[in-house]
PDB file of N, CA and C in Angstrom:
ATOM      1  N   MET A   1      55.972-112.529 154.764  1.00  0.00           N
ATOM      2  CA  MET A   1      54.580-112.917 154.729  1.00  0.00           C
ATOM      3  C   MET A   1      53.718-111.663 154.900  1.00  0.00           C
ATOM      4  N   PRO A   2      52.883-111.353 153.933  1.00  0.00           N
ATOM      5  CA  PRO A   2      52.043-110.155 154.074  1.00  0.00           C
ATOM      6  C   PRO A   2      50.958-110.358 155.133  1.00  0.00           C
ATOM      7  N   PHE A   3      50.688-109.287 155.855  1.00  0.00           N
ATOM      8  CA  PHE A   3      49.643-109.306 156.860  1.00  0.00           C
ATOM      9  C   PHE A   3      48.324-108.909 156.208  1.00  0.00           C
ATOM     10  N   VAL A   4      47.234-109.316 156.810  1.00  0.00           N
ATOM     11  CA  VAL A   4      45.914-108.958 156.293  1.00  0.00           C
ATOM     12  C   VAL A   4      45.251-107.982 157.254  1.00  0.00           C
ATOM     13  N   GLN A   5      44.380-107.129 156.696  1.00  0.00           N
ATOM     14  CA  GLN A   5      43.683-106.153 157.520  1.00  0.00           C
ATOM     15  C   GLN A   5      42.951-106.865 158.646  1.00  0.00           C
ATOM     16  N   GLY A   6      43.097-106.325 159.856  1.00  0.00           N
ATOM     17  CA  GLY A   6      42.428-106.883 161.020  1.00  0.00           C
ATOM     18  C   GLY A   6      43.238-107.918 161.766  1.00  0.00           C
ATOM     19  N   GLU A   7      44.337-108.378 161.181  1.00  0.00           N
ATOM     20  CA  GLU A   7      45.188-109.365 161.844  1.00  0.00           C
ATOM     21  C   GLU A   7      45.928-108.709 163.010  1.00  0.00           C
ATOM     22  N   VAL A   8      46.030-109.403 164.117  1.00  0.00           N
ATOM     23  CA  VAL A   8      46.761-108.908 165.277  1.00  0.00           C
ATOM     24  C   VAL A   8      48.176-109.467 165.211  1.00  0.00           C
ATOM     25  N   ILE A   9      49.147-108.548 165.247  1.00  0.00           N
ATOM     26  CA  ILE A   9      50.557-108.942 165.221  1.00  0.00           C
ATOM     27  C   ILE A   9      51.278-108.223 166.358  1.00  0.00           C
ATOM     28  N   SER A  10      52.439-108.721 166.700  1.00  0.00           N
ATOM     29  CA  SER A  10      53.228-108.100 167.764  1.00  0.00           C
ATOM     30  C   SER A  10      54.040-106.926 167.203  1.00  0.00           C
ATOM     31  N   HIS A  11      54.529-106.104 168.122  1.00  0.00           N
ATOM     32  CA  HIS A  11      55.403-105.000 167.722  1.00  0.00           C
ATOM     33  C   HIS A  11      56.642-105.549 167.028  1.00  0.00           C
ATOM     34  N   ALA A  12      57.168-106.659 167.527  1.00  0.00           N
ATOM     35  CA  ALA A  12      58.357-107.268 166.921  1.00  0.00           C
ATOM     36  C   ALA A  12      58.078-107.709 165.484  1.00  0.00           C
ATOM     37  N   GLN A  13      56.918-108.323 165.240  1.00  0.00           N
ATOM     38  CA  GLN A  13      56.567-108.735 163.879  1.00  0.00           C
ATOM     39  C   GLN A  13      56.449-107.521 162.962  1.00  0.00           C
ATOM     40  N   MET A  14      55.822-106.479 163.457  1.00  0.00           N
ATOM     41  CA  MET A  14      55.667-105.260 162.670  1.00  0.00           C
ATOM     42  C   MET A  14      57.045-104.666 162.343  1.00  0.00           C
ATOM     43  N   SER A  15      57.925-104.630 163.321  1.00  0.00           N
ATOM     44  CA  SER A  15      59.254-104.065 163.115  1.00  0.00           C
ATOM     45  C   SER A  15      60.048-104.863 162.092  1.00  0.00           C
ATOM     46  N   VAL A  16      59.944-106.182 162.133  1.00  0.00           N
ATOM     47  CA  VAL A  16      60.633-107.021 161.148  1.00  0.00           C
ATOM     48  C   VAL A  16      60.061-106.752 159.758  1.00  0.00           C
ATOM     49  N   GLU A  17      58.741-106.695 159.651  1.00  0.00           N
ATOM     50  CA  GLU A  17      58.083-106.440 158.365  1.00  0.00           C
ATOM     51  C   GLU A  17      58.537-105.116 157.755  1.00  0.00           C
ATOM     52  N   GLU A  18      58.696-104.093 158.591  1.00  0.00           N
ATOM     53  CA  GLU A  18      59.049-102.761 158.094  1.00  0.00           C
ATOM     54  C   GLU A  18      60.551-102.505 158.079  1.00  0.00           C
ATOM     55  N   GLY A  19      61.333-103.410 158.660  1.00  0.00           N
ATOM     56  CA  GLY A  19      62.778-103.236 158.671  1.00  0.00           C
ATOM     57  C   GLY A  19      63.244-102.100 159.561  1.00  0.00           C
ATOM     58  N   ALA A  20      62.444-101.789 160.584  1.00  0.00           N
ATOM     59  CA  ALA A  20      62.782-100.693 161.497  1.00  0.00           C
ATOM     60  C   ALA A  20      62.081-100.928 162.825  1.00  0.00           C
ATOM     61  N   HIS A  21      62.717-100.501 163.906  1.00  0.00           N
ATOM     62  CA  HIS A  21      62.094-100.568 165.221  1.00  0.00           C
ATOM     63  C   HIS A  21      61.224 -99.319 165.360  1.00  0.00           C
ATOM     64  N   LEU A  22      59.940 -99.474 165.094  1.00  0.00           N
ATOM     65  CA  LEU A  22      59.040 -98.325 165.017  1.00  0.00           C
ATOM     66  C   LEU A  22      58.618 -97.852 166.401  1.00  0.00           C
ATOM     67  N   GLN A  23      58.841 -96.564 166.662  1.00  0.00           N
ATOM     68  CA  GLN A  23      58.446 -95.952 167.920  1.00  0.00           C
ATOM     69  C   GLN A  23      57.577 -94.726 167.692  1.00  0.00           C
ATOM     70  N   ARG A  24      57.952 -93.895 166.724  1.00  0.00           N
ATOM     71  CA  ARG A  24      57.184 -92.675 166.493  1.00  0.00           C
ATOM     72  C   ARG A  24      55.950 -92.997 165.642  1.00  0.00           C
ATOM     73  N   GLY A  25      54.980 -92.121 165.698  1.00  0.00           N
ATOM     74  CA  GLY A  25      53.718 -92.363 165.013  1.00  0.00           C
ATOM     75  C   GLY A  25      53.779 -92.220 163.508  1.00  0.00           C
ATOM     76  N   MET A  26      54.556 -91.264 163.026  1.00  0.00           N
ATOM     77  CA  MET A  26      54.665 -91.022 161.592  1.00  0.00           C
ATOM     78  C   MET A  26      56.059 -91.416 161.135  1.00  0.00           C
ATOM     79  N   ASN A  27      56.129 -92.200 160.072  1.00  0.00           N
ATOM     80  CA  ASN A  27      57.406 -92.689 159.577  1.00  0.00           C
ATOM     81  C   ASN A  27      57.417 -92.556 158.064  1.00  0.00           C
ATOM     82  N   TYR A  28      58.176 -91.580 157.551  1.00  0.00           N
ATOM     83  CA  TYR A  28      58.218 -91.295 156.127  1.00  0.00           C
ATOM     84  C   TYR A  28      59.424 -91.972 155.487  1.00  0.00           C
ATOM     85  N   GLN A  29      59.170 -92.728 154.417  1.00  0.00           N
ATOM     86  CA  GLN A  29      60.226 -93.354 153.620  1.00  0.00           C
ATOM     87  C   GLN A  29      61.226 -94.146 154.468  1.00  0.00           C
ATOM     88  N   LEU A  30      60.732 -95.200 155.094  1.00  0.00           N
ATOM     89  CA  LEU A  30      61.600 -96.100 155.850  1.00  0.00           C
ATOM     90  C   LEU A  30      62.560 -96.811 154.907  1.00  0.00           C
ATOM     91  N   ALA A  31      63.512 -97.540 155.460  1.00  0.00           N
ATOM     92  CA  ALA A  31      64.453 -98.309 154.639  1.00  0.00           C
ATOM     93  C   ALA A  31      63.709 -99.283 153.724  1.00  0.00           C
ATOM     94  N   SER A  32      62.535 -99.739 154.154  1.00  0.00           N
ATOM     95  CA  SER A  32      61.725-100.646 153.329  1.00  0.00           C
ATOM     96  C   SER A  32      61.125 -99.912 152.138  1.00  0.00           C
ATOM     97  N   GLY A  33      61.217 -98.572 152.134  1.00  0.00           N
ATOM     98  CA  GLY A  33      60.610 -97.777 151.079  1.00  0.00           C
ATOM     99  C   GLY A  33      59.169 -97.402 151.377  1.00  0.00           C
ATOM    100  N   ARG A  34      58.646 -97.899 152.494  1.00  0.00           N
ATOM    101  CA  ARG A  34      57.256 -97.629 152.847  1.00  0.00           C
ATOM    102  C   ARG A  34      57.134 -96.465 153.819  1.00  0.00           C
ATOM    103  N   ASN A  35      55.932 -95.920 153.830  1.00  0.00           N
ATOM    104  CA  ASN A  35      55.538 -94.913 154.803  1.00  0.00           C
ATOM    105  C   ASN A  35      54.595 -95.604 155.779  1.00  0.00           C
ATOM    106  N   VAL A  36      54.762 -95.334 157.065  1.00  0.00           N
ATOM    107  CA  VAL A  36      53.981 -96.044 158.072  1.00  0.00           C
ATOM    108  C   VAL A  36      53.442 -95.061 159.103  1.00  0.00           C
ATOM    109  N   PHE A  37      52.170 -95.238 159.441  1.00  0.00           N
ATOM    110  CA  PHE A  37      51.563 -94.539 160.570  1.00  0.00           C
ATOM    111  C   PHE A  37      51.250 -95.574 161.635  1.00  0.00           C
ATOM    112  N   LEU A  38      51.546 -95.240 162.875  1.00  0.00           N
ATOM    113  CA  LEU A  38      51.077 -96.000 164.021  1.00  0.00           C
ATOM    114  C   LEU A  38      49.981 -95.156 164.641  1.00  0.00           C
ATOM    115  N   MET A  39      48.822 -95.717 164.809  1.00  0.00           N
ATOM    116  CA  MET A  39      47.721 -94.904 165.327  1.00  0.00           C
ATOM    117  C   MET A  39      46.902 -95.667 166.342  1.00  0.00           C
ATOM    118  N   SER A  40      46.101 -94.929 167.068  1.00  0.00           N
ATOM    119  CA  SER A  40      45.204 -95.533 168.039  1.00  0.00           C
ATOM    120  C   SER A  40      43.891 -94.777 168.010  1.00  0.00           C
ATOM    121  N   VAL A  41      42.810 -95.520 167.929  1.00  0.00           N
ATOM    122  CA  VAL A  41      41.482 -94.898 167.982  1.00  0.00           C
ATOM    123  C   VAL A  41      40.757 -95.316 169.256  1.00  0.00           C
ATOM    124  N   ARG A  42      41.498 -95.951 170.179  1.00  0.00           N
ATOM    125  CA  ARG A  42      40.873 -96.406 171.424  1.00  0.00           C
ATOM    126  C   ARG A  42      40.570 -95.217 172.334  1.00  0.00           C
ATOM    127  N   LYS A  43      39.640 -95.420 173.229  1.00  0.00           N
ATOM    128  CA  LYS A  43      39.260 -94.384 174.186  1.00  0.00           C
ATOM    129  C   LYS A  43      40.467 -94.015 175.044  1.00  0.00           C
ATOM    130  N   GLY A  44      40.680 -92.719 175.221  1.00  0.00           N
ATOM    131  CA  GLY A  44      41.790 -92.251 176.030  1.00  0.00           C
ATOM    132  C   GLY A  44      43.109 -92.141 175.290  1.00  0.00           C
ATOM    133  N   ALA A  45      43.139 -92.412 173.988  1.00  0.00           N
ATOM    134  CA  ALA A  45      44.381 -92.298 173.221  1.00  0.00           C
ATOM    135  C   ALA A  45      44.842 -90.835 173.220  1.00  0.00           C
ATOM    136  N   PRO A  46      46.152 -90.594 173.169  1.00  0.00           N
ATOM    137  CA  PRO A  46      46.651 -89.215 173.246  1.00  0.00           C
ATOM    138  C   PRO A  46      46.348 -88.364 172.006  1.00  0.00           C
ATOM    139  N   TYR A  47      46.003 -88.992 170.900  1.00  0.00           N
ATOM    140  CA  TYR A  47      45.681 -88.275 169.673  1.00  0.00           C
ATOM    141  C   TYR A  47      44.255 -88.618 169.266  1.00  0.00           C
ATOM    142  N   GLN A  48      43.638 -87.726 168.540  1.00  0.00           N
ATOM    143  CA  GLN A  48      42.253 -87.924 168.103  1.00  0.00           C
ATOM    144  C   GLN A  48      42.215 -88.462 166.676  1.00  0.00           C
ATOM    145  N   ASP A  49      42.887 -89.572 166.430  1.00  0.00           N
ATOM    146  CA  ASP A  49      42.896 -90.192 165.111  1.00  0.00           C
ATOM    147  C   ASP A  49      41.532 -90.817 164.829  1.00  0.00           C
ATOM    148  N   VAL A  50      41.143 -90.812 163.547  1.00  0.00           N
ATOM    149  CA  VAL A  50      39.833 -91.324 163.152  1.00  0.00           C
ATOM    150  C   VAL A  50      39.978 -92.104 161.846  1.00  0.00           C
ATOM    151  N   VAL A  51      39.262 -93.216 161.742  1.00  0.00           N
ATOM    152  CA  VAL A  51      39.157 -93.975 160.499  1.00  0.00           C
ATOM    153  C   VAL A  51      37.707 -93.914 160.060  1.00  0.00           C
ATOM    154  N   GLU A  52      37.479 -93.524 158.805  1.00  0.00           N
ATOM    155  CA  GLU A  52      36.124 -93.389 158.276  1.00  0.00           C
ATOM    156  C   GLU A  52      36.006 -94.107 156.943  1.00  0.00           C
ATOM    157  N   ASP A  53      34.791 -94.156 156.443  1.00  0.00           N
ATOM    158  CA  ASP A  53      34.488 -94.692 155.111  1.00  0.00           C
ATOM    159  C   ASP A  53      35.100 -96.079 154.907  1.00  0.00           C
ATOM    160  N   ASP A  54      34.823 -96.945 155.878  1.00  0.00           N
ATOM    161  CA  ASP A  54      35.292 -98.335 155.817  1.00  0.00           C
ATOM    162  C   ASP A  54      36.801 -98.436 155.606  1.00  0.00           C
ATOM    163  N   GLY A  55      37.544 -97.532 156.246  1.00  0.00           N
ATOM    164  CA  GLY A  55      38.998 -97.584 156.188  1.00  0.00           C
ATOM    165  C   GLY A  55      39.622 -96.824 155.036  1.00  0.00           C
ATOM    166  N   ARG A  56      38.826 -96.165 154.206  1.00  0.00           N
ATOM    167  CA  ARG A  56      39.380 -95.435 153.062  1.00  0.00           C
ATOM    168  C   ARG A  56      39.775 -94.000 153.401  1.00  0.00           C
ATOM    169  N   VAL A  57      39.286 -93.491 154.540  1.00  0.00           N
ATOM    170  CA  VAL A  57      39.622 -92.131 154.961  1.00  0.00           C
ATOM    171  C   VAL A  57      40.274 -92.211 156.342  1.00  0.00           C
ATOM    172  N   LEU A  58      41.418 -91.597 156.452  1.00  0.00           N
ATOM    173  CA  LEU A  58      42.165 -91.580 157.702  1.00  0.00           C
ATOM    174  C   LEU A  58      42.393 -90.126 158.096  1.00  0.00           C
ATOM    175  N   ILE A  59      41.963 -89.777 159.279  1.00  0.00           N
ATOM    176  CA  ILE A  59      42.242 -88.461 159.833  1.00  0.00           C
ATOM    177  C   ILE A  59      43.282 -88.695 160.919  1.00  0.00           C
ATOM    178  N   TYR A  60      44.493 -88.252 160.640  1.00  0.00           N
ATOM    179  CA  TYR A  60      45.632 -88.553 161.501  1.00  0.00           C
ATOM    180  C   TYR A  60      46.192 -87.258 162.055  1.00  0.00           C
ATOM    181  N   GLU A  61      46.290 -87.170 163.350  1.00  0.00           N
ATOM    182  CA  GLU A  61      46.668 -85.921 164.007  1.00  0.00           C
ATOM    183  C   GLU A  61      48.131 -85.548 163.801  1.00  0.00           C
ATOM    184  N   GLY A  62      48.996 -86.501 163.637  1.00  0.00           N
ATOM    185  CA  GLY A  62      50.411 -86.186 163.443  1.00  0.00           C
ATOM    186  C   GLY A  62      51.152 -86.037 164.747  1.00  0.00           C
ATOM    187  N   HIS A  63      52.325 -85.449 164.671  1.00  0.00           N
ATOM    188  CA  HIS A  63      53.177 -85.274 165.847  1.00  0.00           C
ATOM    189  C   HIS A  63      52.913 -83.939 166.509  1.00  0.00           C
ATOM    190  N   ASP A  64      53.057 -83.905 167.815  1.00  0.00           N
ATOM    191  CA  ASP A  64      52.995 -82.648 168.555  1.00  0.00           C
ATOM    192  C   ASP A  64      54.356 -81.968 168.522  1.00  0.00           C
ATOM    193  N   ALA A  65      54.349 -80.705 168.882  1.00  0.00           N
ATOM    194  CA  ALA A  65      55.605 -80.003 169.107  1.00  0.00           C
ATOM    195  C   ALA A  65      56.294 -80.671 170.303  1.00  0.00           C
ATOM    196  N   PRO A  66      57.620 -80.635 170.352  1.00  0.00           N
ATOM    197  CA  PRO A  66      58.301 -81.220 171.510  1.00  0.00           C
ATOM    198  C   PRO A  66      57.892 -80.513 172.804  1.00  0.00           C
ATOM    199  N   ARG A  67      57.819 -81.278 173.870  1.00  0.00           N
ATOM    200  CA  ARG A  67      57.475 -80.710 175.179  1.00  0.00           C
ATOM    201  C   ARG A  67      58.756 -80.160 175.809  1.00  0.00           C
ATOM    202  N   LYS A  68      58.741 -78.852 176.102  1.00  0.00           N
ATOM    203  CA  LYS A  68      59.890 -78.210 176.742  1.00  0.00           C
ATOM    204  C   LYS A  68      59.396 -77.370 177.900  1.00  0.00           C
ATOM    205  N   ARG A  69      60.171 -77.376 178.963  1.00  0.00           N
ATOM    206  CA  ARG A  69      59.822 -76.560 180.129  1.00  0.00           C
ATOM    207  C   ARG A  69      59.736 -75.089 179.718  1.00  0.00           C
ATOM    208  N   GLY A  70      58.650 -74.446 180.117  1.00  0.00           N
ATOM    209  CA  GLY A  70      58.461 -73.039 179.812  1.00  0.00           C
ATOM    210  C   GLY A  70      57.722 -72.779 178.512  1.00  0.00           C
ATOM    211  N   ASP A  71      57.623 -73.786 177.642  1.00  0.00           N
ATOM    212  CA  ASP A  71      56.880 -73.641 176.391  1.00  0.00           C
ATOM    213  C   ASP A  71      55.411 -73.950 176.630  1.00  0.00           C
ATOM    214  N   PRO A  72      54.535 -73.487 175.731  1.00  0.00           N
ATOM    215  CA  PRO A  72      53.119 -73.829 175.883  1.00  0.00           C
ATOM    216  C   PRO A  72      52.887 -75.332 175.723  1.00  0.00           C
ATOM    217  N   ASP A  73      51.739 -75.788 176.187  1.00  0.00           N
ATOM    218  CA  ASP A  73      51.357 -77.187 176.023  1.00  0.00           C
ATOM    219  C   ASP A  73      51.414 -77.542 174.539  1.00  0.00           C
ATOM    220  N   PRO A  74      52.120 -78.627 174.158  1.00  0.00           N
ATOM    221  CA  PRO A  74      52.241 -78.994 172.743  1.00  0.00           C
ATOM    222  C   PRO A  74      50.898 -79.153 172.020  1.00  0.00           C
ATOM    223  N   LYS A  75      49.846 -79.519 172.741  1.00  0.00           N
ATOM    224  CA  LYS A  75      48.532 -79.672 172.109  1.00  0.00           C
ATOM    225  C   LYS A  75      47.916 -78.328 171.738  1.00  0.00           C
ATOM    226  N   SER A  76      48.452 -77.227 172.293  1.00  0.00           N
ATOM    227  CA  SER A  76      47.858 -75.910 172.052  1.00  0.00           C
ATOM    228  C   SER A  76      48.543 -75.140 170.923  1.00  0.00           C
ATOM    229  N   VAL A  77      49.582 -75.707 170.319  1.00  0.00           N
ATOM    230  CA  VAL A  77      50.289 -75.023 169.229  1.00  0.00           C
ATOM    231  C   VAL A  77      50.277 -75.911 167.986  1.00  0.00           C
ATOM    232  N   ASP A  78      50.467 -75.283 166.827  1.00  0.00           N
ATOM    233  CA  ASP A  78      50.529 -76.058 165.592  1.00  0.00           C
ATOM    234  C   ASP A  78      51.695 -77.028 165.650  1.00  0.00           C
ATOM    235  N   GLN A  79      51.508 -78.159 165.037  1.00  0.00           N
ATOM    236  CA  GLN A  79      52.578 -79.141 164.987  1.00  0.00           C
ATOM    237  C   GLN A  79      53.669 -78.612 164.059  1.00  0.00           C
ATOM    238  N   PRO A  80      54.921 -78.779 164.429  1.00  0.00           N
ATOM    239  CA  PRO A  80      55.992 -78.176 163.644  1.00  0.00           C
ATOM    240  C   PRO A  80      56.181 -78.851 162.285  1.00  0.00           C
ATOM    241  N   GLU A  81      56.497 -78.028 161.309  1.00  0.00           N
ATOM    242  CA  GLU A  81      56.831 -78.528 159.976  1.00  0.00           C
ATOM    243  C   GLU A  81      58.342 -78.697 159.833  1.00  0.00           C
ATOM    244  N   PHE A  82      59.081 -77.874 160.588  1.00  0.00           N
ATOM    245  CA  PHE A  82      60.537 -77.883 160.511  1.00  0.00           C
ATOM    246  C   PHE A  82      61.142 -78.049 161.899  1.00  0.00           C
ATOM    247  N   TYR A  83      62.284 -78.712 161.955  1.00  0.00           N
ATOM    248  CA  TYR A  83      63.092 -78.734 163.171  1.00  0.00           C
ATOM    249  C   TYR A  83      63.770 -77.368 163.305  1.00  0.00           C
ATOM    250  N   PRO A  84      64.257 -77.038 164.502  1.00  0.00           N
ATOM    251  CA  PRO A  84      64.928 -75.739 164.673  1.00  0.00           C
ATOM    252  C   PRO A  84      66.076 -75.522 163.680  1.00  0.00           C
ATOM    253  N   GLY A  85      66.757 -76.573 163.268  1.00  0.00           N
ATOM    254  CA  GLY A  85      67.860 -76.457 162.311  1.00  0.00           C
ATOM    255  C   GLY A  85      67.409 -76.262 160.870  1.00  0.00           C
ATOM    256  N   GLY A  86      66.089 -76.382 160.610  1.00  0.00           N
ATOM    257  CA  GLY A  86      65.572 -76.126 159.271  1.00  0.00           C
ATOM    258  C   GLY A  86      65.176 -77.357 158.469  1.00  0.00           C
ATOM    259  N   SER A  87      65.553 -78.548 158.921  1.00  0.00           N
ATOM    260  CA  SER A  87      65.154 -79.740 158.170  1.00  0.00           C
ATOM    261  C   SER A  87      63.688 -80.070 158.469  1.00  0.00           C
ATOM    262  N   LEU A  88      63.072 -80.795 157.562  1.00  0.00           N
ATOM    263  CA  LEU A  88      61.660 -81.142 157.703  1.00  0.00           C
ATOM    264  C   LEU A  88      61.441 -82.189 158.791  1.00  0.00           C
ATOM    265  N   THR A  89      60.412 -81.991 159.595  1.00  0.00           N
ATOM    266  CA  THR A  89      59.968 -83.010 160.547  1.00  0.00           C
ATOM    267  C   THR A  89      59.175 -84.063 159.774  1.00  0.00           C
ATOM    268  N   GLN A  90      58.731 -85.105 160.451  1.00  0.00           N
ATOM    269  CA  GLN A  90      57.859 -86.086 159.802  1.00  0.00           C
ATOM    270  C   GLN A  90      56.592 -85.397 159.283  1.00  0.00           C
ATOM    271  N   ASN A  91      56.037 -84.474 160.080  1.00  0.00           N
ATOM    272  CA  ASN A  91      54.867 -83.709 159.605  1.00  0.00           C
ATOM    273  C   ASN A  91      55.203 -82.989 158.310  1.00  0.00           C
ATOM    274  N   GLY A  92      56.353 -82.349 158.274  1.00  0.00           N
ATOM    275  CA  GLY A  92      56.759 -81.597 157.097  1.00  0.00           C
ATOM    276  C   GLY A  92      56.980 -82.474 155.884  1.00  0.00           C
ATOM    277  N   LEU A  93      57.565 -83.654 156.096  1.00  0.00           N
ATOM    278  CA  LEU A  93      57.796 -84.571 154.977  1.00  0.00           C
ATOM    279  C   LEU A  93      56.475 -85.027 154.351  1.00  0.00           C
ATOM    280  N   PHE A  94      55.500 -85.371 155.201  1.00  0.00           N
ATOM    281  CA  PHE A  94      54.201 -85.791 154.664  1.00  0.00           C
ATOM    282  C   PHE A  94      53.458 -84.618 154.034  1.00  0.00           C
ATOM    283  N   LYS A  95      53.567 -83.424 154.635  1.00  0.00           N
ATOM    284  CA  LYS A  95      52.924 -82.245 154.054  1.00  0.00           C
ATOM    285  C   LYS A  95      53.526 -81.944 152.684  1.00  0.00           C
ATOM    286  N   ASP A  96      54.838 -82.059 152.571  1.00  0.00           N
ATOM    287  CA  ASP A  96      55.522 -81.815 151.299  1.00  0.00           C
ATOM    288  C   ASP A  96      55.074 -82.827 150.240  1.00  0.00           C
ATOM    289  N   ALA A  97      54.931 -84.083 150.629  1.00  0.00           N
ATOM    290  CA  ALA A  97      54.467 -85.113 149.687  1.00  0.00           C
ATOM    291  C   ALA A  97      53.043 -84.811 149.218  1.00  0.00           C
ATOM    292  N   ALA A  98      52.178 -84.370 150.135  1.00  0.00           N
ATOM    293  CA  ALA A  98      50.801 -84.019 149.760  1.00  0.00           C
ATOM    294  C   ALA A  98      50.793 -82.824 148.813  1.00  0.00           C
ATOM    295  N   ALA A  99      51.639 -81.843 149.071  1.00  0.00           N
ATOM    296  CA  ALA A  99      51.703 -80.668 148.191  1.00  0.00           C
ATOM    297  C   ALA A  99      52.189 -81.047 146.799  1.00  0.00           C
ATOM    298  N   ARG A 100      53.184 -81.947 146.715  1.00  0.00           N
ATOM    299  CA  ARG A 100      53.655 -82.406 145.399  1.00  0.00           C
ATOM    300  C   ARG A 100      52.527 -83.096 144.643  1.00  0.00           C
ATOM    301  N   TYR A 101      51.777 -83.940 145.339  1.00  0.00           N
ATOM    302  CA  TYR A 101      50.660 -84.631 144.684  1.00  0.00           C
ATOM    303  C   TYR A 101      49.608 -83.620 144.223  1.00  0.00           C
ATOM    304  N   ASN A 102      49.249 -82.666 145.068  1.00  0.00           N
ATOM    305  CA  ASN A 102      48.250 -81.665 144.691  1.00  0.00           C
ATOM    306  C   ASN A 102      48.705 -80.823 143.507  1.00  0.00           C
ATOM    307  N   ALA A 103      50.013 -80.650 143.363  1.00  0.00           N
ATOM    308  CA  ALA A 103      50.538 -79.835 142.268  1.00  0.00           C
ATOM    309  C   ALA A 103      50.473 -80.545 140.923  1.00  0.00           C
ATOM    310  N   ASP A 104      50.765 -81.855 140.896  1.00  0.00           N
ATOM    311  CA  ASP A 104      50.820 -82.518 139.582  1.00  0.00           C
ATOM    312  C   ASP A 104      50.022 -83.810 139.465  1.00  0.00           C
ATOM    313  N   LYS A 105      49.426 -84.280 140.538  1.00  0.00           N
ATOM    314  CA  LYS A 105      48.560 -85.470 140.558  1.00  0.00           C
ATOM    315  C   LYS A 105      49.225 -86.728 140.015  1.00  0.00           C
ATOM    316  N   SER A 106      50.536 -86.724 139.854  1.00  0.00           N
ATOM    317  CA  SER A 106      51.179 -87.892 139.266  1.00  0.00           C
ATOM    318  C   SER A 106      51.932 -88.751 140.271  1.00  0.00           C
ATOM    319  N   GLU A 107      52.409 -88.151 141.340  1.00  0.00           N
ATOM    320  CA  GLU A 107      53.213 -88.891 142.310  1.00  0.00           C
ATOM    321  C   GLU A 107      52.501 -88.877 143.658  1.00  0.00           C
ATOM    322  N   PHE A 108      52.061 -90.048 144.115  1.00  0.00           N
ATOM    323  CA  PHE A 108      51.402 -90.094 145.412  1.00  0.00           C
ATOM    324  C   PHE A 108      52.129 -91.075 146.309  1.00  0.00           C
ATOM    325  N   GLU A 109      51.950 -90.895 147.586  1.00  0.00           N
ATOM    326  CA  GLU A 109      52.568 -91.751 148.589  1.00  0.00           C
ATOM    327  C   GLU A 109      51.501 -92.659 149.189  1.00  0.00           C
ATOM    328  N   THR A 110      51.780 -93.922 149.287  1.00  0.00           N
ATOM    329  CA  THR A 110      50.891 -94.807 150.031  1.00  0.00           C
ATOM    330  C   THR A 110      51.413 -94.890 151.460  1.00  0.00           C
ATOM    331  N   VAL A 111      50.505 -95.163 152.365  1.00  0.00           N
ATOM    332  CA  VAL A 111      50.856 -95.239 153.779  1.00  0.00           C
ATOM    333  C   VAL A 111      50.289 -96.528 154.346  1.00  0.00           C
ATOM    334  N   ARG A 112      51.133 -97.296 154.982  1.00  0.00           N
ATOM    335  CA  ARG A 112      50.688 -98.485 155.690  1.00  0.00           C
ATOM    336  C   ARG A 112      50.360 -98.054 157.116  1.00  0.00           C
ATOM    337  N   VAL A 113      49.203 -98.458 157.612  1.00  0.00           N
ATOM    338  CA  VAL A 113      48.742 -98.036 158.941  1.00  0.00           C
ATOM    339  C   VAL A 113      48.630 -99.248 159.850  1.00  0.00           C
ATOM    340  N   TYR A 114      49.243 -99.132 161.017  1.00  0.00           N
ATOM    341  CA  TYR A 114      49.104-100.134 162.067  1.00  0.00           C
ATOM    342  C   TYR A 114      48.362 -99.474 163.210  1.00  0.00           C
ATOM    343  N   GLU A 115      47.353-100.146 163.702  1.00  0.00           N
ATOM    344  CA  GLU A 115      46.578 -99.612 164.825  1.00  0.00           C
ATOM    345  C   GLU A 115      47.050-100.246 166.118  1.00  0.00           C
ATOM    346  N   LYS A 116      47.375 -99.396 167.085  1.00  0.00           N
ATOM    347  CA  LYS A 116      47.756 -99.883 168.408  1.00  0.00           C
ATOM    348  C   LYS A 116      46.503-100.362 169.128  1.00  0.00           C
ATOM    349  N   ILE A 117      46.603-101.533 169.751  1.00  0.00           N
ATOM    350  CA  ILE A 117      45.449-102.033 170.508  1.00  0.00           C
ATOM    351  C   ILE A 117      45.829-102.253 171.953  1.00  0.00           C
TER     352      ILE A 117
END
């Protein structure tokens, strides 16, 4: 059953719809074939996500660098594009998709957005 914009659903309903137990904010190419962002625009949210232009523009902060003892505060460094082993992070996967679209304008990714309330 498709959900409609503004409908309130549970985390369990969302997970069933997407075929994955969603925990991280950015989810590229899930088993459902969809891309999903979990975001929050409420006061005090850990990220400064913004929705503009009646929902047509999304400013999404992405993932922080992992928090490690002795490293700088993750909010003070660029979000990583690659894991230490060289594979792309979720940030990197979405950045790569945007670069492909900018290069040939033929292949774009849609993103389903769920807002945490």
